[in-house]
Amino acid sequence: MEKGLISVDRWGQESQAYFLTHLHADHTKGLSPQWCRGPLFCSPISAHLLPSKFPGFDPSLIRVLDVGSTQCLSLHSHTAGSQVRVVVTTIDAHHCPGAVMYLFRGEFGCVLYTGDFRWELRSKRAMMGKKTLLEALQGDKVDALYLDNTYCHPSFSFPPREVVAEQVCLCFRVSIFFIGSHTSYECLCTIGMYGSPKKMWVQEPPFLNFTC
């Protein structure tokens, strides 16, 4: 793909269109409330969360792409000196709220940016994402793959997300049960990830009816 057309999770270089995969800090380095280089494309959830992460960010720059949708962009090719057609499909990355992949198609071929993603064999969301990708490819192959491979190594073996969620909920249930036997206060359970806490507000009593 010609340089200067599209940037994905890169906010310091000149491009005509910018795409955000998700809002984790390692993918928003260079993005700020004052950032105004061009239109920023993202999922509906990221569009909703972005002003909270960057108060004062110009909302007129945000372009929402529904997950599973395909849209066509008309950009200017400085090399050809004419307009070029770029077709972008937004695919569920199953990583964090709002996380997506982007498949770009045009005269340059098919380019897939995964960002952070988690596709498990038994995951219905992953199967839907795969279906979206294959339908968008229309029988073509991916010519260039930009793969986030942070944990792509045999030494990393993670349990299924559903198992992890149940274990976390169990820890919360046990903790809240014991806390509740000594106080009537409400509990705020916080999980720290990359320095940005994920909060779960837990109303009680009764403690044993707590669900995640």
N, C-alpha and C. Protein backbone atom coordinates (compact mmCIF):
# COMPACT_ATOMS: atom_id res chain seq x y z
N MET A 1 0.84 -1.19 0.00
CA MET A 1 0.00 0.00 0.00
C MET A 1 0.88 1.25 0.00
N GLU A 2 0.47 2.21 -0.77
CA GLU A 2 1.24 3.46 -0.89
C GLU A 2 1.32 4.19 0.45
N LYS A 3 2.50 4.66 0.80
CA LYS A 3 2.69 5.39 2.04
C LYS A 3 1.93 6.71 1.98
N GLY A 4 1.31 7.06 3.11
CA GLY A 4 0.58 8.32 3.18
C GLY A 4 -0.91 8.19 2.97
N LEU A 5 -1.37 6.98 2.64
CA LEU A 5 -2.81 6.77 2.47
C LEU A 5 -3.48 6.50 3.81
N ILE A 6 -2.98 5.47 4.50
CA ILE A 6 -3.65 4.97 5.71
C ILE A 6 -2.62 4.71 6.81
N SER A 7 -2.99 5.02 8.04
CA SER A 7 -2.20 4.67 9.21
C SER A 7 -3.09 3.92 10.19
N VAL A 8 -2.58 2.82 10.74
CA VAL A 8 -3.31 2.03 11.73
C VAL A 8 -2.54 2.07 13.05
N ASP A 9 -3.14 2.65 14.07
CA ASP A 9 -2.53 2.78 15.40
C ASP A 9 -1.19 3.52 15.35
N ARG A 10 -1.00 4.34 14.36
CA ARG A 10 0.20 5.18 14.24
C ARG A 10 -0.28 6.61 14.06
N TRP A 11 0.07 7.44 15.03
CA TRP A 11 -0.54 8.76 15.12
C TRP A 11 0.41 9.91 14.85
N GLY A 12 1.67 9.59 14.57
CA GLY A 12 2.65 10.65 14.36
C GLY A 12 3.03 10.88 12.92
N GLN A 13 2.53 10.04 12.01
CA GLN A 13 2.91 10.18 10.61
C GLN A 13 1.75 10.75 9.80
N GLU A 14 2.10 11.36 8.69
CA GLU A 14 1.09 12.00 7.85
C GLU A 14 0.36 10.96 7.00
N SER A 15 -0.95 10.93 7.12
CA SER A 15 -1.78 10.04 6.32
C SER A 15 -3.11 10.74 6.04
N GLN A 16 -3.87 10.17 5.13
CA GLN A 16 -5.17 10.74 4.80
C GLN A 16 -6.29 10.17 5.66
N ALA A 17 -6.08 8.98 6.22
CA ALA A 17 -7.07 8.34 7.07
C ALA A 17 -6.36 7.55 8.16
N TYR A 18 -6.88 7.66 9.38
CA TYR A 18 -6.27 7.00 10.54
C TYR A 18 -7.27 6.01 11.12
N PHE A 19 -6.74 4.83 11.50
CA PHE A 19 -7.60 3.77 12.02
C PHE A 19 -7.11 3.32 13.39
N LEU A 20 -8.05 3.23 14.33
CA LEU A 20 -7.76 2.81 15.70
C LEU A 20 -8.30 1.39 15.90
N THR A 21 -7.42 0.46 16.28
CA THR A 21 -7.89 -0.91 16.53
C THR A 21 -8.57 -1.00 17.90
N HIS A 22 -7.96 -0.41 18.93
CA HIS A 22 -8.56 -0.38 20.26
C HIS A 22 -7.81 0.64 21.12
N LEU A 23 -8.30 0.85 22.33
CA LEU A 23 -7.83 1.99 23.13
C LEU A 23 -6.77 1.66 24.17
N HIS A 24 -6.14 0.51 24.12
CA HIS A 24 -5.05 0.24 25.05
C HIS A 24 -3.89 1.19 24.77
N ALA A 25 -3.16 1.53 25.83
CA ALA A 25 -2.15 2.60 25.75
C ALA A 25 -1.08 2.34 24.71
N ASP A 26 -0.69 1.07 24.51
CA ASP A 26 0.37 0.79 23.54
C ASP A 26 -0.10 0.95 22.10
N HIS A 27 -1.38 1.19 21.89
CA HIS A 27 -1.90 1.41 20.55
C HIS A 27 -2.38 2.86 20.35
N THR A 28 -2.25 3.68 21.38
CA THR A 28 -2.68 5.08 21.27
C THR A 28 -1.52 6.04 21.55
N LYS A 29 -0.30 5.52 21.53
CA LYS A 29 0.86 6.38 21.76
C LYS A 29 0.97 7.43 20.66
N GLY A 30 0.92 8.69 21.04
CA GLY A 30 0.94 9.78 20.07
C GLY A 30 -0.42 10.42 19.88
N LEU A 31 -1.46 9.72 20.34
CA LEU A 31 -2.81 10.27 20.29
C LEU A 31 -3.04 11.12 21.53
N SER A 32 -3.69 12.27 21.38
CA SER A 32 -3.87 13.19 22.50
C SER A 32 -5.12 14.02 22.25
N PRO A 33 -5.58 14.77 23.27
CA PRO A 33 -6.75 15.64 23.07
C PRO A 33 -6.51 16.68 21.98
N GLN A 34 -5.25 17.03 21.73
CA GLN A 34 -4.94 18.05 20.72
C GLN A 34 -4.71 17.48 19.33
N TRP A 35 -4.71 16.15 19.23
CA TRP A 35 -4.43 15.50 17.94
C TRP A 35 -5.49 15.91 16.92
N CYS A 36 -5.04 16.29 15.71
CA CYS A 36 -6.01 16.75 14.70
C CYS A 36 -5.48 16.53 13.28
N ARG A 37 -4.78 15.43 13.07
CA ARG A 37 -4.15 15.18 11.76
C ARG A 37 -5.15 14.80 10.67
N GLY A 38 -6.28 14.22 11.05
CA GLY A 38 -7.23 13.80 10.02
C GLY A 38 -8.35 12.97 10.60
N PRO A 39 -9.20 12.40 9.75
CA PRO A 39 -10.31 11.57 10.23
C PRO A 39 -9.81 10.31 10.92
N LEU A 40 -10.45 9.98 12.05
CA LEU A 40 -10.07 8.81 12.83
C LEU A 40 -11.22 7.81 12.77
N PHE A 41 -10.96 6.65 12.19
CA PHE A 41 -11.96 5.60 12.06
C PHE A 41 -11.81 4.60 13.20
N CYS A 42 -12.94 4.18 13.78
CA CYS A 42 -12.89 3.23 14.88
C CYS A 42 -14.26 2.58 15.05
N SER A 43 -14.34 1.61 15.94
CA SER A 43 -15.60 0.92 16.21
C SER A 43 -16.52 1.82 17.05
N PRO A 44 -17.81 1.50 17.13
CA PRO A 44 -18.74 2.30 17.93
C PRO A 44 -18.35 2.39 19.40
N ILE A 45 -17.88 1.29 19.98
CA ILE A 45 -17.50 1.31 21.40
C ILE A 45 -16.28 2.19 21.60
N SER A 46 -15.29 2.07 20.73
CA SER A 46 -14.09 2.93 20.86
C SER A 46 -14.46 4.39 20.68
N ALA A 47 -15.40 4.67 19.78
CA ALA A 47 -15.84 6.05 19.56
C ALA A 47 -16.50 6.60 20.81
N HIS A 48 -17.21 5.74 21.53
CA HIS A 48 -17.88 6.17 22.77
C HIS A 48 -16.87 6.40 23.90
N LEU A 49 -15.83 5.56 23.95
CA LEU A 49 -14.85 5.64 25.04
C LEU A 49 -13.76 6.67 24.79
N LEU A 50 -13.49 6.97 23.54
CA LEU A 50 -12.36 7.83 23.19
C LEU A 50 -12.40 9.20 23.87
N PRO A 51 -13.54 9.91 23.92
CA PRO A 51 -13.56 11.21 24.60
C PRO A 51 -13.27 11.13 26.09
N SER A 52 -13.55 9.98 26.70
CA SER A 52 -13.24 9.81 28.12
C SER A 52 -11.74 9.63 28.34
N LYS A 53 -11.11 8.92 27.42
CA LYS A 53 -9.66 8.71 27.52
C LYS A 53 -8.89 9.97 27.15
N PHE A 54 -9.44 10.72 26.19
CA PHE A 54 -8.79 11.96 25.74
C PHE A 54 -9.79 13.12 25.81
N PRO A 55 -10.04 13.63 27.03
CA PRO A 55 -11.01 14.73 27.17
C PRO A 55 -10.62 15.93 26.32
N GLY A 56 -11.58 16.46 25.59
CA GLY A 56 -11.32 17.60 24.72
C GLY A 56 -11.02 17.21 23.29
N PHE A 57 -10.97 15.90 23.01
CA PHE A 57 -10.71 15.44 21.65
C PHE A 57 -11.84 15.92 20.74
N ASP A 58 -11.48 16.39 19.54
CA ASP A 58 -12.45 16.93 18.60
C ASP A 58 -13.35 15.81 18.07
N PRO A 59 -14.62 15.77 18.45
CA PRO A 59 -15.51 14.67 18.01
C PRO A 59 -15.78 14.68 16.52
N SER A 60 -15.58 15.83 15.86
CA SER A 60 -15.84 15.90 14.42
C SER A 60 -14.84 15.07 13.61
N LEU A 61 -13.74 14.66 14.25
CA LEU A 61 -12.74 13.84 13.56
C LEU A 61 -13.10 12.36 13.56
N ILE A 62 -14.01 11.95 14.44
CA ILE A 62 -14.31 10.54 14.63
C ILE A 62 -15.26 10.03 13.54
N ARG A 63 -14.88 8.91 12.93
CA ARG A 63 -15.72 8.23 11.94
C ARG A 63 -15.99 6.82 12.46
N VAL A 64 -17.25 6.50 12.67
CA VAL A 64 -17.62 5.21 13.26
C VAL A 64 -17.81 4.15 12.18
N LEU A 65 -17.16 3.00 12.39
CA LEU A 65 -17.30 1.85 11.50
C LEU A 65 -17.94 0.71 12.30
N ASP A 66 -19.12 0.30 11.91
CA ASP A 66 -19.78 -0.81 12.59
C ASP A 66 -19.00 -2.10 12.38
N VAL A 67 -18.93 -2.91 13.43
CA VAL A 67 -18.22 -4.18 13.35
C VAL A 67 -18.95 -5.09 12.35
N GLY A 68 -18.20 -5.65 11.42
CA GLY A 68 -18.77 -6.51 10.40
C GLY A 68 -19.17 -5.78 9.14
N SER A 69 -19.03 -4.45 9.15
CA SER A 69 -19.44 -3.65 7.99
C SER A 69 -18.27 -3.46 7.01
N THR A 70 -18.62 -3.10 5.79
CA THR A 70 -17.63 -2.79 4.76
C THR A 70 -17.96 -1.43 4.18
N GLN A 71 -16.95 -0.57 4.11
CA GLN A 71 -17.15 0.76 3.55
C GLN A 71 -16.05 1.07 2.54
N CYS A 72 -16.36 1.98 1.65
CA CYS A 72 -15.43 2.37 0.59
C CYS A 72 -14.94 3.79 0.83
N LEU A 73 -13.63 3.98 0.76
CA LEU A 73 -13.02 5.30 0.92
C LEU A 73 -12.39 5.73 -0.40
N SER A 74 -12.47 7.01 -0.68
CA SER A 74 -11.81 7.56 -1.86
C SER A 74 -10.66 8.44 -1.38
N LEU A 75 -9.43 7.99 -1.64
CA LEU A 75 -8.24 8.70 -1.20
C LEU A 75 -7.42 9.13 -2.42
N HIS A 76 -6.52 10.06 -2.20
CA HIS A 76 -5.71 10.58 -3.30
C HIS A 76 -4.34 9.92 -3.32
N SER A 77 -4.00 9.33 -4.45
CA SER A 77 -2.69 8.73 -4.64
C SER A 77 -1.74 9.77 -5.21
N HIS A 78 -0.72 10.10 -4.42
CA HIS A 78 0.28 11.07 -4.91
C HIS A 78 1.14 10.44 -6.00
N THR A 79 1.30 9.12 -5.94
CA THR A 79 2.09 8.43 -6.96
C THR A 79 1.39 8.45 -8.32
N ALA A 80 0.10 8.10 -8.30
CA ALA A 80 -0.65 8.05 -9.56
C ALA A 80 -1.23 9.41 -9.94
N GLY A 81 -1.31 10.32 -8.97
CA GLY A 81 -1.88 11.63 -9.24
C GLY A 81 -3.38 11.59 -9.47
N SER A 82 -4.05 10.60 -8.85
CA SER A 82 -5.49 10.45 -9.04
C SER A 82 -6.11 9.83 -7.79
N GLN A 83 -7.43 9.72 -7.78
CA GLN A 83 -8.13 9.12 -6.66
C GLN A 83 -8.00 7.59 -6.71
N VAL A 84 -7.89 6.99 -5.54
CA VAL A 84 -7.85 5.53 -5.44
C VAL A 84 -8.97 5.07 -4.52
N ARG A 85 -9.47 3.90 -4.79
CA ARG A 85 -10.58 3.33 -4.03
C ARG A 85 -10.03 2.32 -3.03
N VAL A 86 -10.34 2.53 -1.75
CA VAL A 86 -9.92 1.62 -0.69
C VAL A 86 -11.16 1.09 0.01
N VAL A 87 -11.33 -0.22 0.01
CA VAL A 87 -12.46 -0.86 0.66
C VAL A 87 -11.98 -1.41 2.00
N VAL A 88 -12.64 -1.02 3.10
CA VAL A 88 -12.23 -1.45 4.43
C VAL A 88 -13.35 -2.23 5.10
N THR A 89 -13.00 -3.38 5.65
CA THR A 89 -13.94 -4.20 6.41
C THR A 89 -13.48 -4.25 7.86
N THR A 90 -14.41 -4.01 8.77
CA THR A 90 -14.12 -3.99 10.21
C THR A 90 -14.52 -5.33 10.81
N ILE A 91 -13.58 -5.99 11.50
CA ILE A 91 -13.78 -7.35 11.99
C ILE A 91 -13.57 -7.41 13.50
N ASP A 92 -14.45 -8.11 14.18
CA ASP A 92 -14.35 -8.26 15.64
C ASP A 92 -13.04 -8.96 16.01
N ALA A 93 -12.24 -8.32 16.88
CA ALA A 93 -10.96 -8.90 17.30
C ALA A 93 -11.09 -9.73 18.57
N HIS A 94 -12.23 -9.62 19.27
CA HIS A 94 -12.46 -10.42 20.49
C HIS A 94 -11.32 -10.24 21.50
N HIS A 95 -10.90 -8.98 21.67
CA HIS A 95 -9.77 -8.70 22.58
C HIS A 95 -10.26 -7.94 23.82
N CYS A 96 -10.66 -6.70 23.64
CA CYS A 96 -11.22 -5.88 24.70
C CYS A 96 -12.41 -5.13 24.10
N PRO A 97 -13.22 -4.46 24.91
CA PRO A 97 -14.37 -3.74 24.35
C PRO A 97 -13.96 -2.78 23.23
N GLY A 98 -14.56 -2.97 22.07
CA GLY A 98 -14.29 -2.09 20.94
C GLY A 98 -13.16 -2.51 20.04
N ALA A 99 -12.43 -3.57 20.39
CA ALA A 99 -11.26 -3.98 19.60
C ALA A 99 -11.67 -4.58 18.27
N VAL A 100 -11.02 -4.14 17.20
CA VAL A 100 -11.33 -4.64 15.86
C VAL A 100 -10.07 -4.85 15.04
N MET A 101 -10.21 -5.65 13.99
CA MET A 101 -9.21 -5.78 12.94
C MET A 101 -9.70 -5.00 11.73
N TYR A 102 -8.77 -4.70 10.81
CA TYR A 102 -9.15 -4.02 9.57
C TYR A 102 -8.58 -4.77 8.37
N LEU A 103 -9.45 -5.06 7.42
CA LEU A 103 -9.02 -5.62 6.14
C LEU A 103 -9.19 -4.53 5.09
N PHE A 104 -8.08 -4.17 4.43
CA PHE A 104 -8.11 -3.15 3.38
C PHE A 104 -7.92 -3.83 2.03
N ARG A 105 -8.75 -3.46 1.05
CA ARG A 105 -8.65 -4.01 -0.29
C ARG A 105 -8.64 -2.89 -1.32
N GLY A 106 -7.86 -3.09 -2.36
CA GLY A 106 -7.77 -2.10 -3.42
C GLY A 106 -6.82 -2.59 -4.49
N GLU A 107 -6.33 -1.67 -5.31
CA GLU A 107 -5.38 -2.04 -6.36
C GLU A 107 -4.07 -2.59 -5.78
N PHE A 108 -3.81 -2.27 -4.51
CA PHE A 108 -2.60 -2.74 -3.82
C PHE A 108 -2.74 -4.18 -3.34
N GLY A 109 -3.94 -4.75 -3.46
CA GLY A 109 -4.18 -6.11 -2.98
C GLY A 109 -5.02 -6.12 -1.71
N CYS A 110 -4.79 -7.13 -0.87
CA CYS A 110 -5.52 -7.27 0.40
C CYS A 110 -4.53 -7.16 1.56
N VAL A 111 -4.79 -6.24 2.46
CA VAL A 111 -3.91 -6.01 3.61
C VAL A 111 -4.73 -6.15 4.88
N LEU A 112 -4.28 -7.01 5.80
CA LEU A 112 -4.99 -7.25 7.05
C LEU A 112 -4.15 -6.77 8.24
N TYR A 113 -4.72 -5.88 9.03
CA TYR A 113 -4.13 -5.44 10.30
C TYR A 113 -4.92 -6.09 11.42
N THR A 114 -4.26 -6.92 12.22
CA THR A 114 -4.99 -7.64 13.27
C THR A 114 -5.13 -6.81 14.55
N GLY A 115 -4.16 -5.96 14.87
CA GLY A 115 -4.14 -5.37 16.20
C GLY A 115 -4.05 -6.49 17.22
N ASP A 116 -4.42 -6.24 18.46
CA ASP A 116 -4.49 -7.30 19.46
C ASP A 116 -5.78 -8.08 19.22
N PHE A 117 -5.70 -9.40 19.21
CA PHE A 117 -6.90 -10.20 18.98
C PHE A 117 -6.80 -11.52 19.70
N ARG A 118 -7.96 -12.17 19.86
CA ARG A 118 -8.00 -13.49 20.46
C ARG A 118 -9.08 -14.31 19.77
N TRP A 119 -8.65 -15.21 18.94
CA TRP A 119 -9.58 -16.08 18.22
C TRP A 119 -9.36 -17.52 18.70
N GLU A 120 -10.28 -18.01 19.51
CA GLU A 120 -10.22 -19.39 19.99
C GLU A 120 -11.12 -20.28 19.14
N LEU A 121 -10.74 -21.53 19.03
CA LEU A 121 -11.47 -22.46 18.17
C LEU A 121 -12.92 -22.61 18.58
N ARG A 122 -13.20 -22.54 19.89
CA ARG A 122 -14.56 -22.77 20.37
C ARG A 122 -15.36 -21.47 20.55
N SER A 123 -14.76 -20.36 20.18
CA SER A 123 -15.42 -19.07 20.39
C SER A 123 -16.37 -18.74 19.24
N LYS A 124 -17.63 -18.48 19.58
CA LYS A 124 -18.61 -18.12 18.55
C LYS A 124 -18.27 -16.77 17.93
N ARG A 125 -17.76 -15.84 18.75
CA ARG A 125 -17.37 -14.53 18.22
C ARG A 125 -16.22 -14.66 17.24
N ALA A 126 -15.27 -15.54 17.56
CA ALA A 126 -14.15 -15.75 16.65
C ALA A 126 -14.62 -16.36 15.34
N MET A 127 -15.57 -17.29 15.42
CA MET A 127 -16.09 -17.91 14.20
C MET A 127 -16.83 -16.88 13.34
N MET A 128 -17.54 -15.96 14.00
CA MET A 128 -18.23 -14.91 13.25
C MET A 128 -17.22 -13.97 12.60
N GLY A 129 -16.13 -13.67 13.34
CA GLY A 129 -15.08 -12.83 12.78
C GLY A 129 -14.41 -13.48 11.58
N LYS A 130 -14.16 -14.78 11.69
CA LYS A 130 -13.56 -15.52 10.58
C LYS A 130 -14.49 -15.51 9.37
N LYS A 131 -15.78 -15.67 9.62
CA LYS A 131 -16.76 -15.65 8.53
C LYS A 131 -16.77 -14.28 7.83
N THR A 132 -16.69 -13.22 8.63
CA THR A 132 -16.64 -11.86 8.07
C THR A 132 -15.41 -11.68 7.20
N LEU A 133 -14.27 -12.17 7.69
CA LEU A 133 -13.02 -12.04 6.95
C LEU A 133 -13.08 -12.79 5.62
N LEU A 134 -13.53 -14.04 5.65
CA LEU A 134 -13.57 -14.86 4.43
C LEU A 134 -14.55 -14.27 3.41
N GLU A 135 -15.68 -13.77 3.89
CA GLU A 135 -16.65 -13.17 2.97
C GLU A 135 -16.09 -11.89 2.34
N ALA A 136 -15.34 -11.12 3.14
CA ALA A 136 -14.77 -9.88 2.62
C ALA A 136 -13.67 -10.16 1.59
N LEU A 137 -12.92 -11.25 1.80
CA LEU A 137 -11.84 -11.60 0.86
C LEU A 137 -12.38 -12.04 -0.49
N GLN A 138 -13.59 -12.57 -0.50
CA GLN A 138 -14.23 -12.98 -1.76
C GLN A 138 -13.34 -13.92 -2.59
N GLY A 139 -12.70 -14.85 -1.88
CA GLY A 139 -11.88 -15.83 -2.57
C GLY A 139 -10.44 -15.40 -2.78
N ASP A 140 -10.13 -14.14 -2.53
CA ASP A 140 -8.75 -13.67 -2.67
C ASP A 140 -7.93 -14.08 -1.45
N LYS A 141 -6.62 -13.92 -1.52
CA LYS A 141 -5.75 -14.20 -0.39
C LYS A 141 -5.28 -12.88 0.24
N VAL A 142 -4.80 -12.97 1.47
CA VAL A 142 -4.22 -11.81 2.13
C VAL A 142 -2.80 -11.62 1.60
N ASP A 143 -2.53 -10.49 0.99
CA ASP A 143 -1.21 -10.23 0.41
C ASP A 143 -0.20 -9.72 1.44
N ALA A 144 -0.69 -8.98 2.43
CA ALA A 144 0.19 -8.45 3.48
C ALA A 144 -0.54 -8.56 4.80
N LEU A 145 0.12 -9.16 5.79
CA LEU A 145 -0.46 -9.37 7.11
C LEU A 145 0.37 -8.64 8.15
N TYR A 146 -0.26 -7.71 8.87
CA TYR A 146 0.38 -7.03 10.00
C TYR A 146 -0.18 -7.66 11.26
N LEU A 147 0.60 -8.55 11.85
CA LEU A 147 0.14 -9.40 12.94
C LEU A 147 0.73 -8.96 14.27
N ASP A 148 -0.14 -8.71 15.24
CA ASP A 148 0.33 -8.44 16.59
C ASP A 148 0.61 -9.79 17.24
N ASN A 149 1.88 -10.10 17.46
CA ASN A 149 2.27 -11.44 17.91
C ASN A 149 2.88 -11.42 19.31
N THR A 150 2.38 -10.54 20.18
CA THR A 150 2.94 -10.41 21.53
C THR A 150 3.04 -11.75 22.25
N TYR A 151 2.00 -12.56 22.16
CA TYR A 151 1.98 -13.84 22.87
C TYR A 151 2.00 -15.04 21.92
N CYS A 152 2.48 -14.83 20.71
CA CYS A 152 2.51 -15.90 19.72
C CYS A 152 3.77 -16.74 19.89
N HIS A 153 3.79 -17.50 20.98
CA HIS A 153 4.94 -18.35 21.29
C HIS A 153 4.44 -19.53 22.12
N PRO A 154 4.97 -20.73 21.88
CA PRO A 154 4.51 -21.91 22.62
C PRO A 154 4.64 -21.79 24.13
N SER A 155 5.52 -20.91 24.61
CA SER A 155 5.69 -20.78 26.05
C SER A 155 4.48 -20.14 26.72
N PHE A 156 3.64 -19.48 25.92
CA PHE A 156 2.43 -18.88 26.46
C PHE A 156 1.25 -19.80 26.18
N SER A 157 0.65 -20.30 27.25
CA SER A 157 -0.51 -21.18 27.11
C SER A 157 -1.59 -20.68 28.06
N PHE A 158 -2.57 -19.99 27.52
CA PHE A 158 -3.61 -19.38 28.33
C PHE A 158 -4.87 -20.25 28.32
N PRO A 159 -5.57 -20.32 29.44
CA PRO A 159 -6.84 -21.05 29.46
C PRO A 159 -7.90 -20.26 28.69
N PRO A 160 -8.99 -20.91 28.31
CA PRO A 160 -10.07 -20.20 27.61
C PRO A 160 -10.58 -19.02 28.43
N ARG A 161 -11.04 -17.99 27.76
CA ARG A 161 -11.51 -16.78 28.43
C ARG A 161 -12.64 -17.09 29.40
N GLU A 162 -13.52 -18.02 29.02
CA GLU A 162 -14.65 -18.35 29.89
C GLU A 162 -14.17 -18.95 31.22
N VAL A 163 -13.11 -19.76 31.16
CA VAL A 163 -12.56 -20.36 32.38
C VAL A 163 -11.95 -19.28 33.27
N VAL A 164 -11.20 -18.36 32.66
CA VAL A 164 -10.58 -17.28 33.42
C VAL A 164 -11.66 -16.41 34.08
N ALA A 165 -12.71 -16.08 33.33
CA ALA A 165 -13.78 -15.25 33.87
C ALA A 165 -14.45 -15.92 35.06
N GLU A 166 -14.66 -17.22 34.99
CA GLU A 166 -15.29 -17.94 36.09
C GLU A 166 -14.38 -17.98 37.31
N GLN A 167 -13.07 -18.13 37.10
CA GLN A 167 -12.13 -18.13 38.22
C GLN A 167 -12.08 -16.77 38.89
N VAL A 168 -12.09 -15.69 38.09
CA VAL A 168 -12.10 -14.34 38.65
C VAL A 168 -13.38 -14.10 39.44
N CYS A 169 -14.51 -14.51 38.89
CA CYS A 169 -15.79 -14.35 39.59
C CYS A 169 -15.79 -15.12 40.90
N LEU A 170 -15.21 -16.31 40.89
CA LEU A 170 -15.15 -17.12 42.11
C LEU A 170 -14.34 -16.40 43.19
N CYS A 171 -13.20 -15.82 42.79
CA CYS A 171 -12.39 -15.06 43.75
C CYS A 171 -13.17 -13.88 44.32
N PHE A 172 -13.92 -13.19 43.46
CA PHE A 172 -14.72 -12.07 43.93
C PHE A 172 -15.80 -12.53 44.90
N ARG A 173 -16.45 -13.65 44.56
CA ARG A 173 -17.52 -14.15 45.42
C ARG A 173 -17.00 -14.48 46.81
N VAL A 174 -15.86 -15.16 46.85
CA VAL A 174 -15.28 -15.54 48.14
C VAL A 174 -14.86 -14.30 48.92
N SER A 175 -14.20 -13.35 48.23
CA SER A 175 -13.75 -12.14 48.90
C SER A 175 -14.92 -11.33 49.45
N ILE A 176 -15.95 -11.17 48.63
CA ILE A 176 -17.10 -10.37 49.06
C ILE A 176 -17.85 -11.05 50.19
N PHE A 177 -17.89 -12.38 50.17
CA PHE A 177 -18.55 -13.10 51.25
C PHE A 177 -17.88 -12.81 52.59
N PHE A 178 -16.55 -12.87 52.59
CA PHE A 178 -15.84 -12.62 53.85
C PHE A 178 -15.88 -11.15 54.24
N ILE A 179 -15.79 -10.25 53.25
CA ILE A 179 -15.90 -8.83 53.54
C ILE A 179 -17.28 -8.52 54.11
N GLY A 180 -18.29 -9.14 53.54
CA GLY A 180 -19.66 -8.89 53.97
C GLY A 180 -19.98 -9.37 55.36
N SER A 181 -19.20 -10.31 55.84
CA SER A 181 -19.44 -10.79 57.20
C SER A 181 -18.93 -9.83 58.25
N HIS A 182 -18.20 -8.79 57.80
CA HIS A 182 -17.64 -7.82 58.74
C HIS A 182 -18.11 -6.40 58.50
N THR A 183 -18.77 -6.13 57.36
CA THR A 183 -19.18 -4.76 57.07
C THR A 183 -20.40 -4.76 56.17
N SER A 184 -21.11 -3.66 56.15
CA SER A 184 -22.28 -3.52 55.26
C SER A 184 -21.99 -2.56 54.12
N TYR A 185 -20.71 -2.17 53.95
CA TYR A 185 -20.34 -1.24 52.88
C TYR A 185 -20.42 -1.92 51.52
N GLU A 186 -20.58 -1.08 50.48
CA GLU A 186 -20.51 -1.59 49.13
C GLU A 186 -19.05 -1.84 48.76
N CYS A 187 -18.85 -2.75 47.81
CA CYS A 187 -17.49 -3.13 47.42
C CYS A 187 -17.19 -2.67 46.00
N LEU A 188 -16.00 -2.14 45.81
CA LEU A 188 -15.53 -1.78 44.48
C LEU A 188 -14.37 -2.70 44.12
N CYS A 189 -14.61 -3.59 43.16
CA CYS A 189 -13.57 -4.54 42.73
C CYS A 189 -12.86 -3.97 41.50
N THR A 190 -11.55 -3.89 41.55
CA THR A 190 -10.78 -3.28 40.48
C THR A 190 -9.71 -4.24 39.99
N ILE A 191 -9.62 -4.37 38.68
CA ILE A 191 -8.59 -5.20 38.06
C ILE A 191 -7.68 -4.29 37.26
N GLY A 192 -6.39 -4.28 37.58
CA GLY A 192 -5.44 -3.42 36.88
C GLY A 192 -4.87 -4.09 35.65
N MET A 193 -4.97 -3.40 34.51
CA MET A 193 -4.39 -3.90 33.26
C MET A 193 -3.69 -2.76 32.56
N TYR A 194 -2.38 -2.90 32.30
CA TYR A 194 -1.60 -1.87 31.63
C TYR A 194 -1.76 -0.52 32.31
N GLY A 195 -1.96 -0.54 33.64
CA GLY A 195 -2.06 0.71 34.38
C GLY A 195 -3.41 1.37 34.27
N SER A 196 -4.34 0.75 33.55
CA SER A 196 -5.69 1.31 33.41
C SER A 196 -6.67 0.36 34.06
N PRO A 197 -7.22 0.70 35.24
CA PRO A 197 -8.07 -0.23 35.97
C PRO A 197 -9.39 -0.52 35.26
N LYS A 198 -9.78 -1.79 35.30
CA LYS A 198 -11.08 -2.20 34.80
C LYS A 198 -11.97 -2.38 36.03
N LYS A 199 -13.00 -1.59 36.16
CA LYS A 199 -13.79 -1.57 37.38
C LYS A 199 -15.10 -2.35 37.23
N MET A 200 -15.44 -3.06 38.28
CA MET A 200 -16.70 -3.78 38.32
C MET A 200 -17.42 -3.33 39.60
N TRP A 201 -18.52 -2.66 39.46
CA TRP A 201 -19.24 -2.15 40.62
C TRP A 201 -20.17 -3.24 41.14
N VAL A 202 -19.97 -3.61 42.38
CA VAL A 202 -20.69 -4.73 42.96
C VAL A 202 -21.66 -4.21 44.00
N GLN A 203 -22.95 -4.39 43.79
CA GLN A 203 -23.96 -4.00 44.76
C GLN A 203 -24.24 -5.17 45.69
N GLU A 204 -24.37 -4.92 46.98
CA GLU A 204 -24.68 -5.96 47.94
C GLU A 204 -25.44 -5.36 49.11
N PRO A 205 -26.08 -6.11 50.01
CA PRO A 205 -26.22 -7.56 49.92
C PRO A 205 -27.31 -7.99 48.95
N PRO A 206 -27.55 -9.26 48.67
CA PRO A 206 -26.85 -10.40 49.26
C PRO A 206 -25.57 -10.72 48.49
N PHE A 207 -24.55 -11.15 49.15
CA PHE A 207 -23.24 -11.38 48.54
C PHE A 207 -23.23 -12.62 47.65
N LEU A 208 -23.96 -13.63 48.05
CA LEU A 208 -23.89 -14.88 47.30
C LEU A 208 -24.62 -14.81 45.97
N ASN A 209 -25.32 -13.71 45.72
CA ASN A 209 -25.98 -13.55 44.43
C ASN A 209 -25.11 -12.75 43.47
N PHE A 210 -23.86 -12.48 43.85
CA PHE A 210 -22.96 -11.70 43.01
C PHE A 210 -22.68 -12.43 41.71
N THR A 211 -22.79 -11.70 40.59
CA THR A 211 -22.46 -12.26 39.29
C THR A 211 -21.55 -11.30 38.56
N CYS A 212 -20.74 -11.82 37.63
CA CYS A 212 -19.84 -11.00 36.82
C CYS A 212 -20.47 -10.77 35.47
